[in-house]
PDB file of N, CA and C in Angstrom:
ATOM      1  N   MET A   1     -15.021  -1.303  12.877  1.00  0.00           N
ATOM      2  CA  MET A   1     -13.768  -2.016  13.069  1.00  0.00           C
ATOM      3  C   MET A   1     -12.947  -1.962  11.788  1.00  0.00           C
ATOM      4  N   GLN A   2     -11.650  -1.763  11.940  1.00  0.00           N
ATOM      5  CA  GLN A   2     -10.784  -1.688  10.783  1.00  0.00           C
ATOM      6  C   GLN A   2     -10.512  -3.075  10.225  1.00  0.00           C
ATOM      7  N   LYS A   3     -10.275  -3.099   8.920  1.00  0.00           N
ATOM      8  CA  LYS A   3      -9.975  -4.342   8.228  1.00  0.00           C
ATOM      9  C   LYS A   3      -8.629  -4.879   8.705  1.00  0.00           C
ATOM     10  N   GLU A   4      -8.584  -6.172   9.010  1.00  0.00           N
ATOM     11  CA  GLU A   4      -7.338  -6.801   9.437  1.00  0.00           C
ATOM     12  C   GLU A   4      -6.829  -7.683   8.312  1.00  0.00           C
ATOM     13  N   ILE A   5      -5.584  -7.491   7.946  1.00  0.00           N
ATOM     14  CA  ILE A   5      -4.948  -8.296   6.911  1.00  0.00           C
ATOM     15  C   ILE A   5      -3.733  -8.961   7.545  1.00  0.00           C
ATOM     16  N   LYS A   6      -3.653 -10.258   7.407  1.00  0.00           N
ATOM     17  CA  LYS A   6      -2.492 -10.992   7.901  1.00  0.00           C
ATOM     18  C   LYS A   6      -1.787 -11.613   6.711  1.00  0.00           C
ATOM     19  N   ALA A   7      -0.468 -11.616   6.775  1.00  0.00           N
ATOM     20  CA  ALA A   7       0.303 -12.215   5.690  1.00  0.00           C
ATOM     21  C   ALA A   7       1.640 -12.681   6.239  1.00  0.00           C
ATOM     22  N   SER A   8       2.186 -13.674   5.599  1.00  0.00           N
ATOM     23  CA  SER A   8       3.527 -14.142   5.935  1.00  0.00           C
ATOM     24  C   SER A   8       4.452 -13.758   4.789  1.00  0.00           C
ATOM     25  N   VAL A   9       5.642 -13.331   5.142  1.00  0.00           N
ATOM     26  CA  VAL A   9       6.632 -12.995   4.125  1.00  0.00           C
ATOM     27  C   VAL A   9       7.920 -13.738   4.441  1.00  0.00           C
ATOM     28  N   VAL A  10       8.712 -13.976   3.414  1.00  0.00           N
ATOM     29  CA  VAL A  10       9.987 -14.665   3.560  1.00  0.00           C
ATOM     30  C   VAL A  10      11.098 -13.624   3.535  1.00  0.00           C
ATOM     31  N   VAL A  11      12.006 -13.733   4.489  1.00  0.00           N
ATOM     32  CA  VAL A  11      13.166 -12.849   4.496  1.00  0.00           C
ATOM     33  C   VAL A  11      14.190 -13.468   3.547  1.00  0.00           C
ATOM     34  N   ARG A  12      14.513 -12.750   2.503  1.00  0.00           N
ATOM     35  CA  ARG A  12      15.423 -13.236   1.466  1.00  0.00           C
ATOM     36  C   ARG A  12      16.844 -12.772   1.760  1.00  0.00           C
ATOM     37  N   PRO A  13      17.801 -13.246   0.977  1.00  0.00           N
ATOM     38  CA  PRO A  13      19.184 -12.793   1.175  1.00  0.00           C
ATOM     39  C   PRO A  13      19.242 -11.259   1.172  1.00  0.00           C
ATOM     40  N   GLY A  14      20.112 -10.734   1.989  1.00  0.00           N
ATOM     41  CA  GLY A  14      20.210  -9.285   2.134  1.00  0.00           C
ATOM     42  C   GLY A  14      19.094  -8.736   3.010  1.00  0.00           C
ATOM     43  N   ARG A  15      18.379  -9.616   3.729  1.00  0.00           N
ATOM     44  CA  ARG A  15      17.260  -9.261   4.616  1.00  0.00           C
ATOM     45  C   ARG A  15      16.160  -8.539   3.857  1.00  0.00           C
ATOM     46  N   ARG A  16      15.927  -8.944   2.634  1.00  0.00           N
ATOM     47  CA  ARG A  16      14.892  -8.322   1.809  1.00  0.00           C
ATOM     48  C   ARG A  16      13.569  -9.061   1.972  1.00  0.00           C
ATOM     49  N   ILE A  17      12.499  -8.273   1.959  1.00  0.00           N
ATOM     50  CA  ILE A  17      11.159  -8.855   1.989  1.00  0.00           C
ATOM     51  C   ILE A  17      10.336  -8.216   0.872  1.00  0.00           C
ATOM     52  N   THR A  18       9.301  -8.911   0.450  1.00  0.00           N
ATOM     53  CA  THR A  18       8.357  -8.373  -0.516  1.00  0.00           C
ATOM     54  C   THR A  18       7.026  -8.242   0.187  1.00  0.00           C
ATOM     55  N   LEU A  19       6.480  -7.022   0.188  1.00  0.00           N
ATOM     56  CA  LEU A  19       5.183  -6.813   0.830  1.00  0.00           C
ATOM     57  C   LEU A  19       4.083  -7.343  -0.088  1.00  0.00           C
ATOM     58  N   PRO A  20       3.139  -8.070   0.481  1.00  0.00           N
ATOM     59  CA  PRO A  20       2.027  -8.558  -0.341  1.00  0.00           C
ATOM     60  C   PRO A  20       1.235  -7.408  -0.953  1.00  0.00           C
ATOM     61  N   LYS A  21       0.758  -7.620  -2.176  1.00  0.00           N
ATOM     62  CA  LYS A  21       0.033  -6.597  -2.914  1.00  0.00           C
ATOM     63  C   LYS A  21      -1.166  -6.092  -2.124  1.00  0.00           C
ATOM     64  N   GLU A  22      -1.910  -6.985  -1.486  1.00  0.00           N
ATOM     65  CA  GLU A  22      -3.112  -6.594  -0.745  1.00  0.00           C
ATOM     66  C   GLU A  22      -2.776  -5.575   0.350  1.00  0.00           C
ATOM     67  N   ILE A  23      -1.655  -5.771   1.019  1.00  0.00           N
ATOM     68  CA  ILE A  23      -1.238  -4.840   2.079  1.00  0.00           C
ATOM     69  C   ILE A  23      -0.855  -3.492   1.466  1.00  0.00           C
ATOM     70  N   CYS A  24      -0.119  -3.532   0.369  1.00  0.00           N
ATOM     71  CA  CYS A  24       0.277  -2.283  -0.300  1.00  0.00           C
ATOM     72  C   CYS A  24      -0.941  -1.499  -0.769  1.00  0.00           C
ATOM     73  N   VAL A  25      -1.911  -2.205  -1.321  1.00  0.00           N
ATOM     74  CA  VAL A  25      -3.127  -1.535  -1.793  1.00  0.00           C
ATOM     75  C   VAL A  25      -3.877  -0.919  -0.618  1.00  0.00           C
ATOM     76  N   GLU A  26      -4.027  -1.668   0.458  1.00  0.00           N
ATOM     77  CA  GLU A  26      -4.753  -1.189   1.643  1.00  0.00           C
ATOM     78  C   GLU A  26      -4.114   0.058   2.239  1.00  0.00           C
ATOM     79  N   LEU A  27      -2.762   0.101   2.241  1.00  0.00           N
ATOM     80  CA  LEU A  27      -2.045   1.216   2.856  1.00  0.00           C
ATOM     81  C   LEU A  27      -1.621   2.288   1.856  1.00  0.00           C
ATOM     82  N   GLY A  28      -1.881   2.045   0.578  1.00  0.00           N
ATOM     83  CA  GLY A  28      -1.499   3.020  -0.439  1.00  0.00           C
ATOM     84  C   GLY A  28       0.000   3.114  -0.646  1.00  0.00           C
ATOM     85  N   ILE A  29       0.699   2.018  -0.424  1.00  0.00           N
ATOM     86  CA  ILE A  29       2.158   1.994  -0.566  1.00  0.00           C
ATOM     87  C   ILE A  29       2.514   1.775  -2.029  1.00  0.00           C
ATOM     88  N   GLN A  30       3.403   2.644  -2.521  1.00  0.00           N
ATOM     89  CA  GLN A  30       3.867   2.577  -3.908  1.00  0.00           C
ATOM     90  C   GLN A  30       5.371   2.323  -3.919  1.00  0.00           C
ATOM     91  N   PRO A  31       5.898   1.782  -5.030  1.00  0.00           N
ATOM     92  CA  PRO A  31       7.358   1.627  -5.124  1.00  0.00           C
ATOM     93  C   PRO A  31       8.046   2.974  -4.885  1.00  0.00           C
ATOM     94  N   GLY A  32       9.096   2.964  -4.076  1.00  0.00           N
ATOM     95  CA  GLY A  32       9.820   4.186  -3.746  1.00  0.00           C
ATOM     96  C   GLY A  32       9.362   4.842  -2.456  1.00  0.00           C
ATOM     97  N   ASP A  33       8.198   4.444  -1.928  1.00  0.00           N
ATOM     98  CA  ASP A  33       7.735   5.005  -0.665  1.00  0.00           C
ATOM     99  C   ASP A  33       8.670   4.572   0.465  1.00  0.00           C
ATOM    100  N   VAL A  34       8.725   5.374   1.501  1.00  0.00           N
ATOM    101  CA  VAL A  34       9.565   5.078   2.662  1.00  0.00           C
ATOM    102  C   VAL A  34       8.673   4.576   3.790  1.00  0.00           C
ATOM    103  N   LEU A  35       9.085   3.488   4.408  1.00  0.00           N
ATOM    104  CA  LEU A  35       8.370   2.936   5.561  1.00  0.00           C
ATOM    105  C   LEU A  35       9.209   3.167   6.808  1.00  0.00           C
ATOM    106  N   GLU A  36       8.548   3.469   7.899  1.00  0.00           N
ATOM    107  CA  GLU A  36       9.238   3.606   9.180  1.00  0.00           C
ATOM    108  C   GLU A  36       8.925   2.370  10.008  1.00  0.00           C
ATOM    109  N   PHE A  37       9.982   1.676  10.454  1.00  0.00           N
ATOM    110  CA  PHE A  37       9.810   0.473  11.251  1.00  0.00           C
ATOM    111  C   PHE A  37      10.057   0.775  12.718  1.00  0.00           C
ATOM    112  N   THR A  38       9.235   0.173  13.571  1.00  0.00           N
ATOM    113  CA  THR A  38       9.374   0.299  15.014  1.00  0.00           C
ATOM    114  C   THR A  38       9.301  -1.098  15.615  1.00  0.00           C
ATOM    115  N   VAL A  39      10.173  -1.370  16.576  1.00  0.00           N
ATOM    116  CA  VAL A  39      10.129  -2.638  17.303  1.00  0.00           C
ATOM    117  C   VAL A  39       9.846  -2.313  18.759  1.00  0.00           C
ATOM    118  N   LYS A  40       8.769  -2.894  19.280  1.00  0.00           N
ATOM    119  CA  LYS A  40       8.410  -2.707  20.679  1.00  0.00           C
ATOM    120  C   LYS A  40       7.833  -4.016  21.186  1.00  0.00           C
ATOM    121  N   ASP A  41       8.351  -4.462  22.317  1.00  0.00           N
ATOM    122  CA  ASP A  41       7.904  -5.731  22.905  1.00  0.00           C
ATOM    123  C   ASP A  41       7.953  -6.857  21.877  1.00  0.00           C
ATOM    124  N   ARG A  42       9.042  -6.893  21.114  1.00  0.00           N
ATOM    125  CA  ARG A  42       9.296  -7.927  20.103  1.00  0.00           C
ATOM    126  C   ARG A  42       8.231  -7.963  18.998  1.00  0.00           C
ATOM    127  N   THR A  43       7.560  -6.830  18.805  1.00  0.00           N
ATOM    128  CA  THR A  43       6.569  -6.702  17.733  1.00  0.00           C
ATOM    129  C   THR A  43       7.069  -5.657  16.747  1.00  0.00           C
ATOM    130  N   LEU A  44       7.076  -6.017  15.462  1.00  0.00           N
ATOM    131  CA  LEU A  44       7.523  -5.121  14.408  1.00  0.00           C
ATOM    132  C   LEU A  44       6.321  -4.413  13.801  1.00  0.00           C
ATOM    133  N   THR A  45       6.400  -3.076  13.753  1.00  0.00           N
ATOM    134  CA  THR A  45       5.348  -2.272  13.151  1.00  0.00           C
ATOM    135  C   THR A  45       5.971  -1.461  12.023  1.00  0.00           C
ATOM    136  N   ALA A  46       5.294  -1.417  10.895  1.00  0.00           N
ATOM    137  CA  ALA A  46       5.753  -0.615   9.757  1.00  0.00           C
ATOM    138  C   ALA A  46       4.662   0.374   9.395  1.00  0.00           C
ATOM    139  N   LYS A  47       5.048   1.648   9.263  1.00  0.00           N
ATOM    140  CA  LYS A  47       4.090   2.684   8.859  1.00  0.00           C
ATOM    141  C   LYS A  47       4.664   3.434   7.672  1.00  0.00           C
ATOM    142  N   PRO A  48       3.836   3.692   6.667  1.00  0.00           N
ATOM    143  CA  PRO A  48       4.303   4.535   5.577  1.00  0.00           C
ATOM    144  C   PRO A  48       4.578   5.941   6.110  1.00  0.00           C
ATOM    145  N   ARG A  49       5.690   6.558   5.694  1.00  0.00           N
ATOM    146  CA  ARG A  49       6.048   7.893   6.174  1.00  0.00           C
ATOM    147  C   ARG A  49       4.956   8.903   5.846  1.00  0.00           C
ATOM    148  N   LYS A  50       4.305   8.746   4.681  1.00  0.00           N
ATOM    149  CA  LYS A  50       3.269   9.726   4.343  1.00  0.00           C
ATOM    150  C   LYS A  50       2.126   9.658   5.339  1.00  0.00           C
ATOM    151  N   LYS A  51       1.869   8.469   5.881  1.00  0.00           N
ATOM    152  CA  LYS A  51       0.829   8.352   6.904  1.00  0.00           C
ATOM    153  C   LYS A  51       1.273   9.080   8.165  1.00  0.00           C
ATOM    154  N   LEU A  52       2.556   8.944   8.503  1.00  0.00           N
ATOM    155  CA  LEU A  52       3.078   9.644   9.671  1.00  0.00           C
ATOM    156  C   LEU A  52       2.973  11.153   9.478  1.00  0.00           C
ATOM    157  N   ALA A  53       3.270  11.612   8.254  1.00  0.00           N
ATOM    158  CA  ALA A  53       3.170  13.047   7.970  1.00  0.00           C
ATOM    159  C   ALA A  53       1.728  13.514   8.094  1.00  0.00           C
ATOM    160  N   LEU A  54       0.788  12.716   7.617  1.00  0.00           N
ATOM    161  CA  LEU A  54      -0.621  13.087   7.725  1.00  0.00           C
ATOM    162  C   LEU A  54      -1.078  13.102   9.182  1.00  0.00           C
ATOM    163  N   GLU A  55      -0.576  12.154   9.980  1.00  0.00           N
ATOM    164  CA  GLU A  55      -0.907  12.150  11.404  1.00  0.00           C
ATOM    165  C   GLU A  55      -0.358  13.406  12.084  1.00  0.00           C
ATOM    166  N   ALA A  56       0.867  13.804  11.718  1.00  0.00           N
ATOM    167  CA  ALA A  56       1.462  15.010  12.295  1.00  0.00           C
ATOM    168  C   ALA A  56       0.659  16.241  11.881  1.00  0.00           C
ATOM    169  N   LEU A  57       0.233  16.279  10.618  1.00  0.00           N
ATOM    170  CA  LEU A  57      -0.583  17.397  10.149  1.00  0.00           C
ATOM    171  C   LEU A  57      -1.898  17.459  10.925  1.00  0.00           C
ATOM    172  N   GLY A  58      -2.492  16.298  11.173  1.00  0.00           N
ATOM    173  CA  GLY A  58      -3.725  16.256  11.960  1.00  0.00           C
ATOM    174  C   GLY A  58      -3.508  16.800  13.362  1.00  0.00           C
ATOM    175  N   GLU A  59      -2.376  16.457  13.962  1.00  0.00           N
ATOM    176  CA  GLU A  59      -2.078  16.949  15.313  1.00  0.00           C
ATOM    177  C   GLU A  59      -1.875  18.462  15.297  1.00  0.00           C
ATOM    178  N   ILE A  60      -1.230  18.977  14.256  1.00  0.00           N
ATOM    179  CA  ILE A  60      -1.053  20.427  14.128  1.00  0.00           C
ATOM    180  C   ILE A  60      -2.420  21.106  14.018  1.00  0.00           C
ATOM    181  N   ARG A  61      -3.292  20.538  13.213  1.00  0.00           N
ATOM    182  CA  ARG A  61      -4.634  21.115  13.071  1.00  0.00           C
ATOM    183  C   ARG A  61      -5.388  21.100  14.398  1.00  0.00           C
ATOM    184  N   ARG A  62      -5.270  20.015  15.150  1.00  0.00           N
ATOM    185  CA  ARG A  62      -5.945  19.944  16.459  1.00  0.00           C
ATOM    186  C   ARG A  62      -5.370  20.979  17.418  1.00  0.00           C
ATOM    187  N   ALA A  63      -4.042  21.180  17.371  1.00  0.00           N
ATOM    188  CA  ALA A  63      -3.414  22.171  18.235  1.00  0.00           C
ATOM    189  C   ALA A  63      -3.905  23.578  17.891  1.00  0.00           C
ATOM    190  N   PHE A  64      -4.049  23.860  16.595  1.00  0.00           N
ATOM    191  CA  PHE A  64      -4.593  25.163  16.192  1.00  0.00           C
ATOM    192  C   PHE A  64      -6.022  25.319  16.669  1.00  0.00           C
ATOM    193  N   ALA A  65      -6.791  24.262  16.547  1.00  0.00           N
ATOM    194  CA  ALA A  65      -8.184  24.340  16.992  1.00  0.00           C
ATOM    195  C   ALA A  65      -8.248  24.652  18.485  1.00  0.00           C
ATOM    196  N   ARG A  66      -7.362  24.023  19.264  1.00  0.00           N
ATOM    197  CA  ARG A  66      -7.336  24.279  20.703  1.00  0.00           C
ATOM    198  C   ARG A  66      -6.863  25.691  21.018  1.00  0.00           C
ATOM    199  N   SER A  67      -5.960  26.225  20.187  1.00  0.00           N
ATOM    200  CA  SER A  67      -5.373  27.544  20.466  1.00  0.00           C
ATOM    201  C   SER A  67      -6.323  28.690  20.151  1.00  0.00           C
ATOM    202  N   GLY A  68      -7.270  28.457  19.267  1.00  0.00           N
ATOM    203  CA  GLY A  68      -8.173  29.514  18.861  1.00  0.00           C
ATOM    204  C   GLY A  68      -7.627  30.378  17.729  1.00  0.00           C
ATOM    205  N   VAL A  69      -6.398  30.103  17.282  1.00  0.00           N
ATOM    206  CA  VAL A  69      -5.806  30.830  16.159  1.00  0.00           C
ATOM    207  C   VAL A  69      -6.283  30.168  14.875  1.00  0.00           C
ATOM    208  N   THR A  70      -6.795  30.983  13.960  1.00  0.00           N
ATOM    209  CA  THR A  70      -7.268  30.419  12.699  1.00  0.00           C
ATOM    210  C   THR A  70      -6.115  30.321  11.705  1.00  0.00           C
ATOM    211  N   GLU A  71      -6.306  29.486  10.701  1.00  0.00           N
ATOM    212  CA  GLU A  71      -5.293  29.357   9.650  1.00  0.00           C
ATOM    213  C   GLU A  71      -5.102  30.706   8.947  1.00  0.00           C
ATOM    214  N   GLN A  72      -6.185  31.421   8.739  1.00  0.00           N
ATOM    215  CA  GLN A  72      -6.115  32.740   8.097  1.00  0.00           C
ATOM    216  C   GLN A  72      -5.270  33.708   8.926  1.00  0.00           C
ATOM    217  N   GLU A  73      -5.460  33.705  10.245  1.00  0.00           N
ATOM    218  CA  GLU A  73      -4.676  34.583  11.120  1.00  0.00           C
ATOM    219  C   GLU A  73      -3.187  34.218  11.057  1.00  0.00           C
ATOM    220  N   LEU A  74      -2.897  32.936  11.047  1.00  0.00           N
ATOM    221  CA  LEU A  74      -1.513  32.479  10.972  1.00  0.00           C
ATOM    222  C   LEU A  74      -0.885  32.912   9.652  1.00  0.00           C
ATOM    223  N   GLN A  75      -1.619  32.743   8.548  1.00  0.00           N
ATOM    224  CA  GLN A  75      -1.088  33.158   7.249  1.00  0.00           C
ATOM    225  C   GLN A  75      -0.847  34.660   7.206  1.00  0.00           C
ATOM    226  N   GLU A  76      -1.764  35.428   7.741  1.00  0.00           N
ATOM    227  CA  GLU A  76      -1.597  36.892   7.757  1.00  0.00           C
ATOM    228  C   GLU A  76      -0.386  37.293   8.592  1.00  0.00           C
ATOM    229  N   ALA A  77      -0.205  36.642   9.735  1.00  0.00           N
ATOM    230  CA  ALA A  77       0.957  36.944  10.580  1.00  0.00           C
ATOM    231  C   ALA A  77       2.250  36.602   9.844  1.00  0.00           C
ATOM    232  N   GLY A  78       2.261  35.483   9.144  1.00  0.00           N
ATOM    233  CA  GLY A  78       3.436  35.100   8.361  1.00  0.00           C
ATOM    234  C   GLY A  78       3.734  36.105   7.261  1.00  0.00           C
ATOM    235  N   LYS A  79       2.692  36.566   6.578  1.00  0.00           N
ATOM    236  CA  LYS A  79       2.877  37.572   5.523  1.00  0.00           C
ATOM    237  C   LYS A  79       3.446  38.861   6.111  1.00  0.00           C
ATOM    238  N   GLN A  80       2.950  39.261   7.263  1.00  0.00           N
ATOM    239  CA  GLN A  80       3.421  40.491   7.906  1.00  0.00           C
ATOM    240  C   GLN A  80       4.900  40.368   8.269  1.00  0.00           C
ATOM    241  N   VAL A  81       5.298  39.234   8.807  1.00  0.00           N
ATOM    242  CA  VAL A  81       6.704  39.032   9.171  1.00  0.00           C
ATOM    243  C   VAL A  81       7.573  39.083   7.918  1.00  0.00           C
ATOM    244  N   ARG A  82       7.126  38.438   6.831  1.00  0.00           N
ATOM    245  CA  ARG A  82       7.891  38.471   5.584  1.00  0.00           C
ATOM    246  C   ARG A  82       8.020  39.899   5.054  1.00  0.00           C
ATOM    247  N   ARG A  83       6.938  40.687   5.149  1.00  0.00           N
ATOM    248  CA  ARG A  83       7.007  42.086   4.699  1.00  0.00           C
ATOM    249  C   ARG A  83       8.020  42.867   5.538  1.00  0.00           C
ATOM    250  N   GLU A  84       8.011  42.641   6.845  1.00  0.00           N
ATOM    251  CA  GLU A  84       8.947  43.346   7.718  1.00  0.00           C
ATOM    252  C   GLU A  84      10.390  42.965   7.406  1.00  0.00           C
ATOM    253  N   ILE A  85      10.621  41.668   7.186  1.00  0.00           N
ATOM    254  CA  ILE A  85      11.978  41.217   6.861  1.00  0.00           C
ATOM    255  C   ILE A  85      12.409  41.786   5.519  1.00  0.00           C
ATOM    256  N   ALA A  86      11.510  41.710   4.540  1.00  0.00           N
ATOM    257  CA  ALA A  86      11.842  42.239   3.211  1.00  0.00           C
ATOM    258  C   ALA A  86      12.141  43.731   3.300  1.00  0.00           C
ATOM    259  N   GLY A  87      11.379  44.444   4.100  1.00  0.00           N
ATOM    260  CA  GLY A  87      11.627  45.876   4.259  1.00  0.00           C
ATOM    261  C   GLY A  87      12.980  46.133   4.885  1.00  0.00           C
ATOM    262  N   SER A  88      13.343  45.333   5.892  1.00  0.00           N
ATOM    263  CA  SER A  88      14.643  45.506   6.544  1.00  0.00           C
ATOM    264  C   SER A  88      15.774  45.219   5.578  1.00  0.00           C
ATOM    265  N   LEU A  89      15.658  44.130   4.825  1.00  0.00           N
ATOM    266  CA  LEU A  89      16.717  43.789   3.883  1.00  0.00           C
ATOM    267  C   LEU A  89      16.781  44.802   2.748  1.00  0.00           C
ATOM    268  N   ASN A  90      15.623  45.298   2.330  1.00  0.00           N
ATOM    269  CA  ASN A  90      15.596  46.294   1.256  1.00  0.00           C
ATOM    270  C   ASN A  90      16.402  47.530   1.660  1.00  0.00           C
ATOM    271  N   GLU A  91      16.288  47.901   2.929  1.00  0.00           N
ATOM    272  CA  GLU A  91      17.024  49.056   3.438  1.00  0.00           C
ATOM    273  C   GLU A  91      18.531  48.855   3.274  1.00  0.00           C
ATOM    274  N   TYR A  92      18.993  47.630   3.478  1.00  0.00           N
ATOM    275  CA  TYR A  92      20.421  47.339   3.403  1.00  0.00           C
ATOM    276  C   TYR A  92      20.889  47.024   1.983  1.00  0.00           C
ATOM    277  N   ALA A  93      19.963  46.769   1.077  1.00  0.00           N
ATOM    278  CA  ALA A  93      20.340  46.338  -0.267  1.00  0.00           C
ATOM    279  C   ALA A  93      20.183  47.448  -1.304  1.00  0.00           C
ATOM    280  N   ARG A  94      20.205  48.671  -0.858  1.00  0.00           N
ATOM    281  CA  ARG A  94      20.084  49.799  -1.788  1.00  0.00           C
ATOM    282  C   ARG A  94      21.287  49.850  -2.719  1.00  0.00           C
ATOM    283  N   ASN A  95      21.115  50.505  -3.823  1.00  0.00           N
ATOM    284  CA  ASN A  95      22.187  50.708  -4.800  1.00  0.00           C
ATOM    285  C   ASN A  95      22.725  49.393  -5.367  1.00  0.00           C
ATOM    286  N   VAL A  96      21.873  48.404  -5.468  1.00  0.00           N
ATOM    287  CA  VAL A  96      22.284  47.131  -6.059  1.00  0.00           C
ATOM    288  C   VAL A  96      22.064  47.229  -7.560  1.00  0.00           C
ATOM    289  N   LYS A  97      23.065  46.828  -8.313  1.00  0.00           N
ATOM    290  CA  LYS A  97      22.981  46.894  -9.766  1.00  0.00           C
ATOM    291  C   LYS A  97      22.101  45.756 -10.289  1.00  0.00           C
ATOM    292  N   PRO A  98      21.340  46.010 -11.352  1.00  0.00           N
ATOM    293  CA  PRO A  98      20.533  44.941 -11.952  1.00  0.00           C
ATOM    294  C   PRO A  98      21.434  43.779 -12.360  1.00  0.00           C
ATOM    295  N   GLY A  99      20.940  42.588 -12.174  1.00  0.00           N
ATOM    296  CA  GLY A  99      21.706  41.393 -12.526  1.00  0.00           C
ATOM    297  C   GLY A  99      22.545  40.848 -11.389  1.00  0.00           C
ATOM    298  N   THR A 100      22.568  41.541 -10.255  1.00  0.00           N
ATOM    299  CA  THR A 100      23.323  41.060  -9.095  1.00  0.00           C
ATOM    300  C   THR A 100      22.606  39.837  -8.533  1.00  0.00           C
ATOM    301  N   SER A 101      23.376  38.811  -8.201  1.00  0.00           N
ATOM    302  CA  SER A 101      22.765  37.576  -7.705  1.00  0.00           C
ATOM    303  C   SER A 101      22.136  37.805  -6.329  1.00  0.00           C
ATOM    304  N   PHE A 102      21.151  36.975  -6.027  1.00  0.00           N
ATOM    305  CA  PHE A 102      20.488  37.070  -4.727  1.00  0.00           C
ATOM    306  C   PHE A 102      21.494  36.859  -3.603  1.00  0.00           C
ATOM    307  N   ASP A 103      22.386  35.878  -3.769  1.00  0.00           N
ATOM    308  CA  ASP A 103      23.369  35.600  -2.716  1.00  0.00           C
ATOM    309  C   ASP A 103      24.268  36.808  -2.453  1.00  0.00           C
ATOM    310  N   GLU A 104      24.657  37.513  -3.526  1.00  0.00           N
ATOM    311  CA  GLU A 104      25.497  38.697  -3.348  1.00  0.00           C
ATOM    312  C   GLU A 104      24.736  39.808  -2.625  1.00  0.00           C
ATOM    313  N   VAL A 105      23.475  40.007  -3.006  1.00  0.00           N
ATOM    314  CA  VAL A 105      22.648  41.012  -2.333  1.00  0.00           C
ATOM    315  C   VAL A 105      22.497  40.655  -0.859  1.00  0.00           C
ATOM    316  N   LYS A 106      22.220  39.385  -0.602  1.00  0.00           N
ATOM    317  CA  LYS A 106      22.051  38.925   0.789  1.00  0.00           C
ATOM    318  C   LYS A 106      23.330  39.149   1.588  1.00  0.00           C
ATOM    319  N   ASP A 107      24.477  38.776   0.993  1.00  0.00           N
ATOM    320  CA  ASP A 107      25.755  38.954   1.694  1.00  0.00           C
ATOM    321  C   ASP A 107      26.025  40.428   1.999  1.00  0.00           C
ATOM    322  N   ARG A 108      25.764  41.291   1.022  1.00  0.00           N
ATOM    323  CA  ARG A 108      25.962  42.730   1.236  1.00  0.00           C
ATOM    324  C   ARG A 108      25.050  43.253   2.341  1.00  0.00           C
ATOM    325  N   ALA A 109      23.803  42.803   2.322  1.00  0.00           N
ATOM    326  CA  ALA A 109      22.846  43.258   3.334  1.00  0.00           C
ATOM    327  C   ALA A 109      23.288  42.826   4.728  1.00  0.00           C
ATOM    328  N   TRP A 110      23.755  41.566   4.863  1.00  0.00           N
ATOM    329  CA  TRP A 110      24.213  41.090   6.170  1.00  0.00           C
ATOM    330  C   TRP A 110      25.440  41.865   6.632  1.00  0.00           C
ATOM    331  N   GLU A 111      26.362  42.130   5.698  1.00  0.00           N
ATOM    332  CA  GLU A 111      27.561  42.884   6.059  1.00  0.00           C
ATOM    333  C   GLU A 111      27.197  44.287   6.532  1.00  0.00           C
ATOM    334  N   GLN A 112      26.290  44.931   5.819  1.00  0.00           N
ATOM    335  CA  GLN A 112      25.874  46.286   6.198  1.00  0.00           C
ATOM    336  C   GLN A 112      25.147  46.265   7.551  1.00  0.00           C
ATOM    337  N   ALA A 113      24.280  45.279   7.731  1.00  0.00           N
ATOM    338  CA  ALA A 113      23.557  45.173   9.003  1.00  0.00           C
ATOM    339  C   ALA A 113      24.542  44.972  10.155  1.00  0.00           C
ATOM    340  N   ALA A 114      25.567  44.141   9.938  1.00  0.00           N
ATOM    341  CA  ALA A 114      26.571  43.904  10.985  1.00  0.00           C
ATOM    342  C   ALA A 114      27.337  45.189  11.282  1.00  0.00           C
ATOM    343  N   ARG A 115      27.692  45.934  10.233  1.00  0.00           N
ATOM    344  CA  ARG A 115      28.388  47.207  10.448  1.00  0.00           C
ATOM    345  C   ARG A 115      27.530  48.177  11.229  1.00  0.00           C
ATOM    346  N   ASP A 116      26.233  48.236  10.877  1.00  0.00           N
ATOM    347  CA  ASP A 116      25.318  49.146  11.583  1.00  0.00           C
ATOM    348  C   ASP A 116      25.174  48.752  13.061  1.00  0.00           C
ATOM    349  N   LYS A 117      25.109  47.471  13.321  1.00  0.00           N
ATOM    350  CA  LYS A 117      24.911  47.009  14.696  1.00  0.00           C
ATOM    351  C   LYS A 117      26.163  47.199  15.544  1.00  0.00           C
ATOM    352  N   THR A 118      27.331  47.073  14.922  1.00  0.00           N
ATOM    353  CA  THR A 118      28.576  47.198  15.693  1.00  0.00           C
ATOM    354  C   THR A 118      29.148  48.595  15.666  1.00  0.00           C
ATOM    355  N   GLY A 119      28.575  49.459  14.835  1.00  0.00           N
ATOM    356  CA  GLY A 119      29.051  50.834  14.741  1.00  0.00           C
ATOM    357  C   GLY A 119      30.288  50.961  13.863  1.00  0.00           C
ATOM    358  N   ARG A 120      30.692  49.882  13.191  1.00  0.00           N
ATOM    359  CA  ARG A 120      31.847  49.929  12.301  1.00  0.00           C
ATOM    360  C   ARG A 120      31.419  50.336  10.906  1.00  0.00           C
ATOM    361  N   ARG A 121      32.234  51.046  10.218  1.00  0.00           N
ATOM    362  CA  ARG A 121      31.926  51.464   8.834  1.00  0.00           C
ATOM    363  C   ARG A 121      32.865  50.874   7.873  1.00  0.00           C
TER     364      ARG A 121
END
């Protein structure tokens, strides 16, 4: 059974509250952390966003486990796609002078790709 902590807090001017230290310690809440509040059936629930992110990560891991795709396979597929994209852009970014900004190279590559696709020169 999980530990239950009950506390009362006072709503101060500006609707401010101070979370009790024991609750912050239990949940790992630090100054600057973001809490997500939910109201359902007149009950207020607060969850630290990092906990929500960890729950989402857990769900992603469970989905991968169900799919049969391994993390290694996913990483390899991602690397392959990046290589293919880099190869395509490299084709369009030929004759670029050293010192040219990435944005300029990208813009030139997109312009050339658009010309190639539309048949315009």
